[in-house]
Amino acid sequence: MQCIVDPYKQNEAVIDALHRRPDEDFDSFCEALIETKQKHIVYDYLKPGSKPDTIPEGMTYILQLLKKTTTAVFW
């Protein structure tokens, strides 16, 4: 696949190769994309509708800070 110059053709070759592999390989590929901060590709294109109902990472950090620092009742 490295000999293919066109990035779109490279993508096609990867997807074509994955199509011929077991489902576990496709799942591993999706996990690798998620771990390398490319989860939008998985959730938007490869497994649409599979996005977990989670709080965005930045918001999670803010909520953790609020829990640590806030002891008063909100008004």
PDB file of N, CA and C in Angstrom:
ATOM      1  N   MET A   1       0.818  -1.195   0.000  1.00  0.00           N
ATOM      2  CA  MET A   1       0.000   0.000   0.000  1.00  0.00           C
ATOM      3  C   MET A   1       0.860   1.257   0.000  1.00  0.00           C
ATOM      4  N   GLN A   2       2.089   1.117   0.473  1.00  0.00           N
ATOM      5  CA  GLN A   2       2.975   2.270   0.478  1.00  0.00           C
ATOM      6  C   GLN A   2       3.367   2.699  -0.924  1.00  0.00           C
ATOM      7  N   CYS A   3       3.274   1.778  -1.887  1.00  0.00           N
ATOM      8  CA  CYS A   3       3.633   2.139  -3.260  1.00  0.00           C
ATOM      9  C   CYS A   3       2.535   2.952  -3.944  1.00  0.00           C
ATOM     10  N   ILE A   4       1.361   3.012  -3.321  1.00  0.00           N
ATOM     11  CA  ILE A   4       0.260   3.801  -3.879  1.00  0.00           C
ATOM     12  C   ILE A   4       0.450   5.257  -3.455  1.00  0.00           C
ATOM     13  N   VAL A   5       0.516   6.149  -4.413  1.00  0.00           N
ATOM     14  CA  VAL A   5       0.806   7.553  -4.137  1.00  0.00           C
ATOM     15  C   VAL A   5      -0.443   8.322  -3.711  1.00  0.00           C
ATOM     16  N   ASP A   6      -1.542   8.075  -4.363  1.00  0.00           N
ATOM     17  CA  ASP A   6      -2.785   8.808  -4.099  1.00  0.00           C
ATOM     18  C   ASP A   6      -3.367   8.391  -2.742  1.00  0.00           C
ATOM     19  N   PRO A   7      -3.537   9.350  -1.798  1.00  0.00           N
ATOM     20  CA  PRO A   7      -4.056   9.006  -0.469  1.00  0.00           C
ATOM     21  C   PRO A   7      -5.446   8.364  -0.507  1.00  0.00           C
ATOM     22  N   TYR A   8      -6.285   8.752  -1.456  1.00  0.00           N
ATOM     23  CA  TYR A   8      -7.614   8.157  -1.558  1.00  0.00           C
ATOM     24  C   TYR A   8      -7.519   6.691  -1.973  1.00  0.00           C
ATOM     25  N   LYS A   9      -6.582   6.405  -2.877  1.00  0.00           N
ATOM     26  CA  LYS A   9      -6.360   5.019  -3.303  1.00  0.00           C
ATOM     27  C   LYS A   9      -5.777   4.198  -2.149  1.00  0.00           C
ATOM     28  N   GLN A  10      -4.930   4.827  -1.318  1.00  0.00           N
ATOM     29  CA  GLN A  10      -4.395   4.141  -0.142  1.00  0.00           C
ATOM     30  C   GLN A  10      -5.527   3.757   0.808  1.00  0.00           C
ATOM     31  N   ASN A  11      -6.435   4.697   1.033  1.00  0.00           N
ATOM     32  CA  ASN A  11      -7.584   4.419   1.902  1.00  0.00           C
ATOM     33  C   ASN A  11      -8.420   3.273   1.352  1.00  0.00           C
ATOM     34  N   GLU A  12      -8.650   3.282   0.051  1.00  0.00           N
ATOM     35  CA  GLU A  12      -9.415   2.212  -0.588  1.00  0.00           C
ATOM     36  C   GLU A  12      -8.722   0.860  -0.399  1.00  0.00           C
ATOM     37  N   ALA A  13      -7.406   0.857  -0.535  1.00  0.00           N
ATOM     38  CA  ALA A  13      -6.652  -0.391  -0.393  1.00  0.00           C
ATOM     39  C   ALA A  13      -6.743  -0.930   1.037  1.00  0.00           C
ATOM     40  N   VAL A  14      -6.676  -0.044   2.017  1.00  0.00           N
ATOM     41  CA  VAL A  14      -6.796  -0.474   3.421  1.00  0.00           C
ATOM     42  C   VAL A  14      -8.177  -1.053   3.680  1.00  0.00           C
ATOM     43  N   ILE A  15      -9.215  -0.344   3.252  1.00  0.00           N
ATOM     44  CA  ILE A  15     -10.580  -0.816   3.470  1.00  0.00           C
ATOM     45  C   ILE A  15     -10.817  -2.126   2.729  1.00  0.00           C
ATOM     46  N   ASP A  16     -10.286  -2.235   1.504  1.00  0.00           N
ATOM     47  CA  ASP A  16     -10.436  -3.464   0.731  1.00  0.00           C
ATOM     48  C   ASP A  16      -9.750  -4.632   1.439  1.00  0.00           C
ATOM     49  N   ALA A  17      -8.550  -4.400   1.965  1.00  0.00           N
ATOM     50  CA  ALA A  17      -7.830  -5.451   2.684  1.00  0.00           C
ATOM     51  C   ALA A  17      -8.582  -5.842   3.952  1.00  0.00           C
ATOM     52  N   LEU A  18      -9.128  -4.879   4.665  1.00  0.00           N
ATOM     53  CA  LEU A  18      -9.891  -5.170   5.883  1.00  0.00           C
ATOM     54  C   LEU A  18     -11.163  -5.952   5.573  1.00  0.00           C
ATOM     55  N   HIS A  19     -11.736  -5.672   4.418  1.00  0.00           N
ATOM     56  CA  HIS A  19     -12.971  -6.353   4.021  1.00  0.00           C
ATOM     57  C   HIS A  19     -12.753  -7.865   3.879  1.00  0.00           C
ATOM     58  N   ARG A  20     -11.554  -8.238   3.510  1.00  0.00           N
ATOM     59  CA  ARG A  20     -11.243  -9.660   3.313  1.00  0.00           C
ATOM     60  C   ARG A  20     -10.734 -10.342   4.580  1.00  0.00           C
ATOM     61  N   ARG A  21     -10.581  -9.587   5.655  1.00  0.00           N
ATOM     62  CA  ARG A  21     -10.066 -10.125   6.909  1.00  0.00           C
ATOM     63  C   ARG A  21     -11.222 -10.456   7.863  1.00  0.00           C
ATOM     64  N   PRO A  22     -10.928 -11.183   8.942  1.00  0.00           N
ATOM     65  CA  PRO A  22     -11.980 -11.483   9.934  1.00  0.00           C
ATOM     66  C   PRO A  22     -12.496 -10.215  10.611  1.00  0.00           C
ATOM     67  N   ASP A  23     -13.695 -10.301  11.165  1.00  0.00           N
ATOM     68  CA  ASP A  23     -14.311  -9.149  11.840  1.00  0.00           C
ATOM     69  C   ASP A  23     -13.439  -8.614  12.974  1.00  0.00           C
ATOM     70  N   GLU A  24     -12.705  -9.493  13.640  1.00  0.00           N
ATOM     71  CA  GLU A  24     -11.843  -9.057  14.743  1.00  0.00           C
ATOM     72  C   GLU A  24     -10.783  -8.069  14.270  1.00  0.00           C
ATOM     73  N   ASP A  25     -10.301  -8.255  13.042  1.00  0.00           N
ATOM     74  CA  ASP A  25      -9.306  -7.325  12.497  1.00  0.00           C
ATOM     75  C   ASP A  25      -9.919  -5.947  12.258  1.00  0.00           C
ATOM     76  N   PHE A  26     -11.155  -5.927  11.782  1.00  0.00           N
ATOM     77  CA  PHE A  26     -11.845  -4.649  11.580  1.00  0.00           C
ATOM     78  C   PHE A  26     -12.042  -3.945  12.925  1.00  0.00           C
ATOM     79  N   ASP A  27     -12.443  -4.711  13.939  1.00  0.00           N
ATOM     80  CA  ASP A  27     -12.620  -4.130  15.270  1.00  0.00           C
ATOM     81  C   ASP A  27     -11.301  -3.605  15.824  1.00  0.00           C
ATOM     82  N   SER A  28     -10.224  -4.334  15.605  1.00  0.00           N
ATOM     83  CA  SER A  28      -8.902  -3.875  16.054  1.00  0.00           C
ATOM     84  C   SER A  28      -8.495  -2.597  15.329  1.00  0.00           C
ATOM     85  N   PHE A  29      -8.802  -2.527  14.051  1.00  0.00           N
ATOM     86  CA  PHE A  29      -8.510  -1.323  13.269  1.00  0.00           C
ATOM     87  C   PHE A  29      -9.278  -0.128  13.837  1.00  0.00           C
ATOM     88  N   CYS A  30     -10.552  -0.335  14.154  1.00  0.00           N
ATOM     89  CA  CYS A  30     -11.363   0.738  14.727  1.00  0.00           C
ATOM     90  C   CYS A  30     -10.819   1.160  16.086  1.00  0.00           C
ATOM     91  N   GLU A  31     -10.412   0.206  16.892  1.00  0.00           N
ATOM     92  CA  GLU A  31      -9.831   0.521  18.206  1.00  0.00           C
ATOM     93  C   GLU A  31      -8.546   1.334  18.052  1.00  0.00           C
ATOM     94  N   ALA A  32      -7.734   0.976  17.054  1.00  0.00           N
ATOM     95  CA  ALA A  32      -6.499   1.722  16.807  1.00  0.00           C
ATOM     96  C   ALA A  32      -6.803   3.160  16.403  1.00  0.00           C
ATOM     97  N   LEU A  33      -7.819   3.352  15.585  1.00  0.00           N
ATOM     98  CA  LEU A  33      -8.209   4.718  15.197  1.00  0.00           C
ATOM     99  C   LEU A  33      -8.665   5.511  16.417  1.00  0.00           C
ATOM    100  N   ILE A  34      -9.427   4.890  17.294  1.00  0.00           N
ATOM    101  CA  ILE A  34      -9.910   5.574  18.499  1.00  0.00           C
ATOM    102  C   ILE A  34      -8.733   5.941  19.391  1.00  0.00           C
ATOM    103  N   GLU A  35      -7.793   5.027  19.577  1.00  0.00           N
ATOM    104  CA  GLU A  35      -6.638   5.276  20.437  1.00  0.00           C
ATOM    105  C   GLU A  35      -5.722   6.362  19.888  1.00  0.00           C
ATOM    106  N   THR A  36      -5.741   6.569  18.577  1.00  0.00           N
ATOM    107  CA  THR A  36      -4.880   7.592  17.967  1.00  0.00           C
ATOM    108  C   THR A  36      -5.660   8.875  17.666  1.00  0.00           C
ATOM    109  N   LYS A  37      -6.701   9.093  18.459  1.00  0.00           N
ATOM    110  CA  LYS A  37      -7.496  10.328  18.386  1.00  0.00           C
ATOM    111  C   LYS A  37      -8.137  10.556  17.015  1.00  0.00           C
ATOM    112  N   GLN A  38      -8.570   9.459  16.387  1.00  0.00           N
ATOM    113  CA  GLN A  38      -9.272   9.535  15.108  1.00  0.00           C
ATOM    114  C   GLN A  38     -10.642   8.875  15.222  1.00  0.00           C
ATOM    115  N   LYS A  39     -11.228   8.982  16.416  1.00  0.00           N
ATOM    116  CA  LYS A  39     -12.494   8.298  16.664  1.00  0.00           C
ATOM    117  C   LYS A  39     -13.625   8.801  15.781  1.00  0.00           C
ATOM    118  N   HIS A  40     -13.525  10.026  15.293  1.00  0.00           N
ATOM    119  CA  HIS A  40     -14.570  10.540  14.405  1.00  0.00           C
ATOM    120  C   HIS A  40     -14.706   9.680  13.141  1.00  0.00           C
ATOM    121  N   ILE A  41     -13.607   9.120  12.680  1.00  0.00           N
ATOM    122  CA  ILE A  41     -13.664   8.253  11.491  1.00  0.00           C
ATOM    123  C   ILE A  41     -14.496   7.017  11.794  1.00  0.00           C
ATOM    124  N   VAL A  42     -14.292   6.450  12.973  1.00  0.00           N
ATOM    125  CA  VAL A  42     -15.039   5.253  13.363  1.00  0.00           C
ATOM    126  C   VAL A  42     -16.510   5.586  13.525  1.00  0.00           C
ATOM    127  N   TYR A  43     -16.809   6.619  14.307  1.00  0.00           N
ATOM    128  CA  TYR A  43     -18.201   6.923  14.649  1.00  0.00           C
ATOM    129  C   TYR A  43     -18.984   7.552  13.496  1.00  0.00           C
ATOM    130  N   ASP A  44     -18.300   8.256  12.614  1.00  0.00           N
ATOM    131  CA  ASP A  44     -19.006   8.924  11.510  1.00  0.00           C
ATOM    132  C   ASP A  44     -19.070   8.079  10.229  1.00  0.00           C
ATOM    133  N   TYR A  45     -18.050   7.238  10.005  1.00  0.00           N
ATOM    134  CA  TYR A  45     -17.978   6.538   8.719  1.00  0.00           C
ATOM    135  C   TYR A  45     -17.987   5.015   8.818  1.00  0.00           C
ATOM    136  N   LEU A  46     -17.162   4.457   9.705  1.00  0.00           N
ATOM    137  CA  LEU A  46     -17.017   3.004   9.736  1.00  0.00           C
ATOM    138  C   LEU A  46     -18.104   2.304  10.538  1.00  0.00           C
ATOM    139  N   LYS A  47     -18.511   2.914  11.651  1.00  0.00           N
ATOM    140  CA  LYS A  47     -19.564   2.341  12.496  1.00  0.00           C
ATOM    141  C   LYS A  47     -20.539   3.445  12.892  1.00  0.00           C
ATOM    142  N   PRO A  48     -21.235   4.024  11.933  1.00  0.00           N
ATOM    143  CA  PRO A  48     -22.156   5.109  12.279  1.00  0.00           C
ATOM    144  C   PRO A  48     -23.226   4.622  13.251  1.00  0.00           C
ATOM    145  N   GLY A  49     -23.527   5.477  14.209  1.00  0.00           N
ATOM    146  CA  GLY A  49     -24.534   5.118  15.202  1.00  0.00           C
ATOM    147  C   GLY A  49     -23.971   4.353  16.373  1.00  0.00           C
ATOM    148  N   SER A  50     -22.651   4.099  16.385  1.00  0.00           N
ATOM    149  CA  SER A  50     -22.063   3.333  17.481  1.00  0.00           C
ATOM    150  C   SER A  50     -21.403   4.218  18.525  1.00  0.00           C
ATOM    151  N   LYS A  51     -21.505   5.523  18.357  1.00  0.00           N
ATOM    152  CA  LYS A  51     -20.851   6.445  19.282  1.00  0.00           C
ATOM    153  C   LYS A  51     -21.442   6.285  20.677  1.00  0.00           C
ATOM    154  N   PRO A  52     -20.570   6.062  21.665  1.00  0.00           N
ATOM    155  CA  PRO A  52     -21.083   5.909  23.032  1.00  0.00           C
ATOM    156  C   PRO A  52     -21.615   7.237  23.568  1.00  0.00           C
ATOM    157  N   ASP A  53     -22.585   7.144  24.425  1.00  0.00           N
ATOM    158  CA  ASP A  53     -23.135   8.346  25.051  1.00  0.00           C
ATOM    159  C   ASP A  53     -22.238   8.753  26.204  1.00  0.00           C
ATOM    160  N   THR A  54     -21.219   9.525  25.870  1.00  0.00           N
ATOM    161  CA  THR A  54     -20.273   9.961  26.883  1.00  0.00           C
ATOM    162  C   THR A  54     -20.129  11.471  26.845  1.00  0.00           C
ATOM    163  N   ILE A  55     -19.585  11.997  27.899  1.00  0.00           N
ATOM    164  CA  ILE A  55     -19.309  13.424  27.979  1.00  0.00           C
ATOM    165  C   ILE A  55     -17.991  13.678  27.256  1.00  0.00           C
ATOM    166  N   PRO A  56     -17.883  14.745  26.466  1.00  0.00           N
ATOM    167  CA  PRO A  56     -16.620  15.052  25.799  1.00  0.00           C
ATOM    168  C   PRO A  56     -15.468  15.157  26.794  1.00  0.00           C
ATOM    169  N   GLU A  57     -14.265  14.785  26.351  1.00  0.00           N
ATOM    170  CA  GLU A  57     -13.107  14.734  27.235  1.00  0.00           C
ATOM    171  C   GLU A  57     -12.860  16.049  27.969  1.00  0.00           C
ATOM    172  N   GLY A  58     -12.940  17.175  27.270  1.00  0.00           N
ATOM    173  CA  GLY A  58     -12.715  18.471  27.909  1.00  0.00           C
ATOM    174  C   GLY A  58     -13.746  18.758  28.978  1.00  0.00           C
ATOM    175  N   MET A  59     -14.990  18.406  28.706  1.00  0.00           N
ATOM    176  CA  MET A  59     -16.052  18.623  29.677  1.00  0.00           C
ATOM    177  C   MET A  59     -15.859  17.727  30.899  1.00  0.00           C
ATOM    178  N   THR A  60     -15.374  16.517  30.703  1.00  0.00           N
ATOM    179  CA  THR A  60     -15.108  15.619  31.830  1.00  0.00           C
ATOM    180  C   THR A  60     -14.096  16.249  32.767  1.00  0.00           C
ATOM    181  N   TYR A  61     -13.063  16.836  32.213  1.00  0.00           N
ATOM    182  CA  TYR A  61     -12.031  17.491  33.018  1.00  0.00           C
ATOM    183  C   TYR A  61     -12.632  18.648  33.819  1.00  0.00           C
ATOM    184  N   ILE A  62     -13.445  19.450  33.178  1.00  0.00           N
ATOM    185  CA  ILE A  62     -14.077  20.590  33.859  1.00  0.00           C
ATOM    186  C   ILE A  62     -14.983  20.102  34.986  1.00  0.00           C
ATOM    187  N   LEU A  63     -15.759  19.064  34.737  1.00  0.00           N
ATOM    188  CA  LEU A  63     -16.640  18.525  35.772  1.00  0.00           C
ATOM    189  C   LEU A  63     -15.849  17.978  36.955  1.00  0.00           C
ATOM    190  N   GLN A  64     -14.714  17.347  36.690  1.00  0.00           N
ATOM    191  CA  GLN A  64     -13.869  16.848  37.770  1.00  0.00           C
ATOM    192  C   GLN A  64     -13.345  17.996  38.617  1.00  0.00           C
ATOM    193  N   LEU A  65     -12.939  19.077  37.974  1.00  0.00           N
ATOM    194  CA  LEU A  65     -12.467  20.250  38.718  1.00  0.00           C
ATOM    195  C   LEU A  65     -13.582  20.837  39.575  1.00  0.00           C
ATOM    196  N   LEU A  66     -14.775  20.922  39.011  1.00  0.00           N
ATOM    197  CA  LEU A  66     -15.900  21.464  39.767  1.00  0.00           C
ATOM    198  C   LEU A  66     -16.221  20.602  40.986  1.00  0.00           C
ATOM    199  N   LYS A  67     -16.174  19.307  40.826  1.00  0.00           N
ATOM    200  CA  LYS A  67     -16.460  18.417  41.951  1.00  0.00           C
ATOM    201  C   LYS A  67     -15.445  18.593  43.067  1.00  0.00           C
ATOM    202  N   LYS A  68     -14.179  18.850  42.702  1.00  0.00           N
ATOM    203  CA  LYS A  68     -13.129  19.009  43.692  1.00  0.00           C
ATOM    204  C   LYS A  68     -13.219  20.347  44.411  1.00  0.00           C
ATOM    205  N   THR A  69     -13.634  21.378  43.683  1.00  0.00           N
ATOM    206  CA  THR A  69     -13.584  22.729  44.249  1.00  0.00           C
ATOM    207  C   THR A  69     -14.908  23.254  44.760  1.00  0.00           C
ATOM    208  N   THR A  70     -16.007  22.661  44.372  1.00  0.00           N
ATOM    209  CA  THR A  70     -17.310  23.189  44.731  1.00  0.00           C
ATOM    210  C   THR A  70     -17.894  22.436  45.913  1.00  0.00           C
ATOM    211  N   THR A  71     -18.162  23.204  46.973  1.00  0.00           N
ATOM    212  CA  THR A  71     -18.811  22.609  48.138  1.00  0.00           C
ATOM    213  C   THR A  71     -20.116  23.334  48.454  1.00  0.00           C
ATOM    214  N   ALA A  72     -20.286  24.509  47.882  1.00  0.00           N
ATOM    215  CA  ALA A  72     -21.479  25.305  48.150  1.00  0.00           C
ATOM    216  C   ALA A  72     -22.618  24.871  47.227  1.00  0.00           C
ATOM    217  N   VAL A  73     -23.825  25.187  47.652  1.00  0.00           N
ATOM    218  CA  VAL A  73     -25.014  24.926  46.836  1.00  0.00           C
ATOM    219  C   VAL A  73     -25.098  26.002  45.758  1.00  0.00           C
ATOM    220  N   PHE A  74     -25.411  25.555  44.524  1.00  0.00           N
ATOM    221  CA  PHE A  74     -25.578  26.535  43.447  1.00  0.00           C
ATOM    222  C   PHE A  74     -26.829  27.367  43.678  1.00  0.00           C
ATOM    223  N   TRP A  75     -26.795  28.649  43.373  1.00  0.00           N
ATOM    224  CA  TRP A  75     -27.910  29.562  43.605  1.00  0.00           C
ATOM    225  C   TRP A  75     -28.594  29.884  42.379  1.00  0.00           C
TER     226      TRP A  75
END
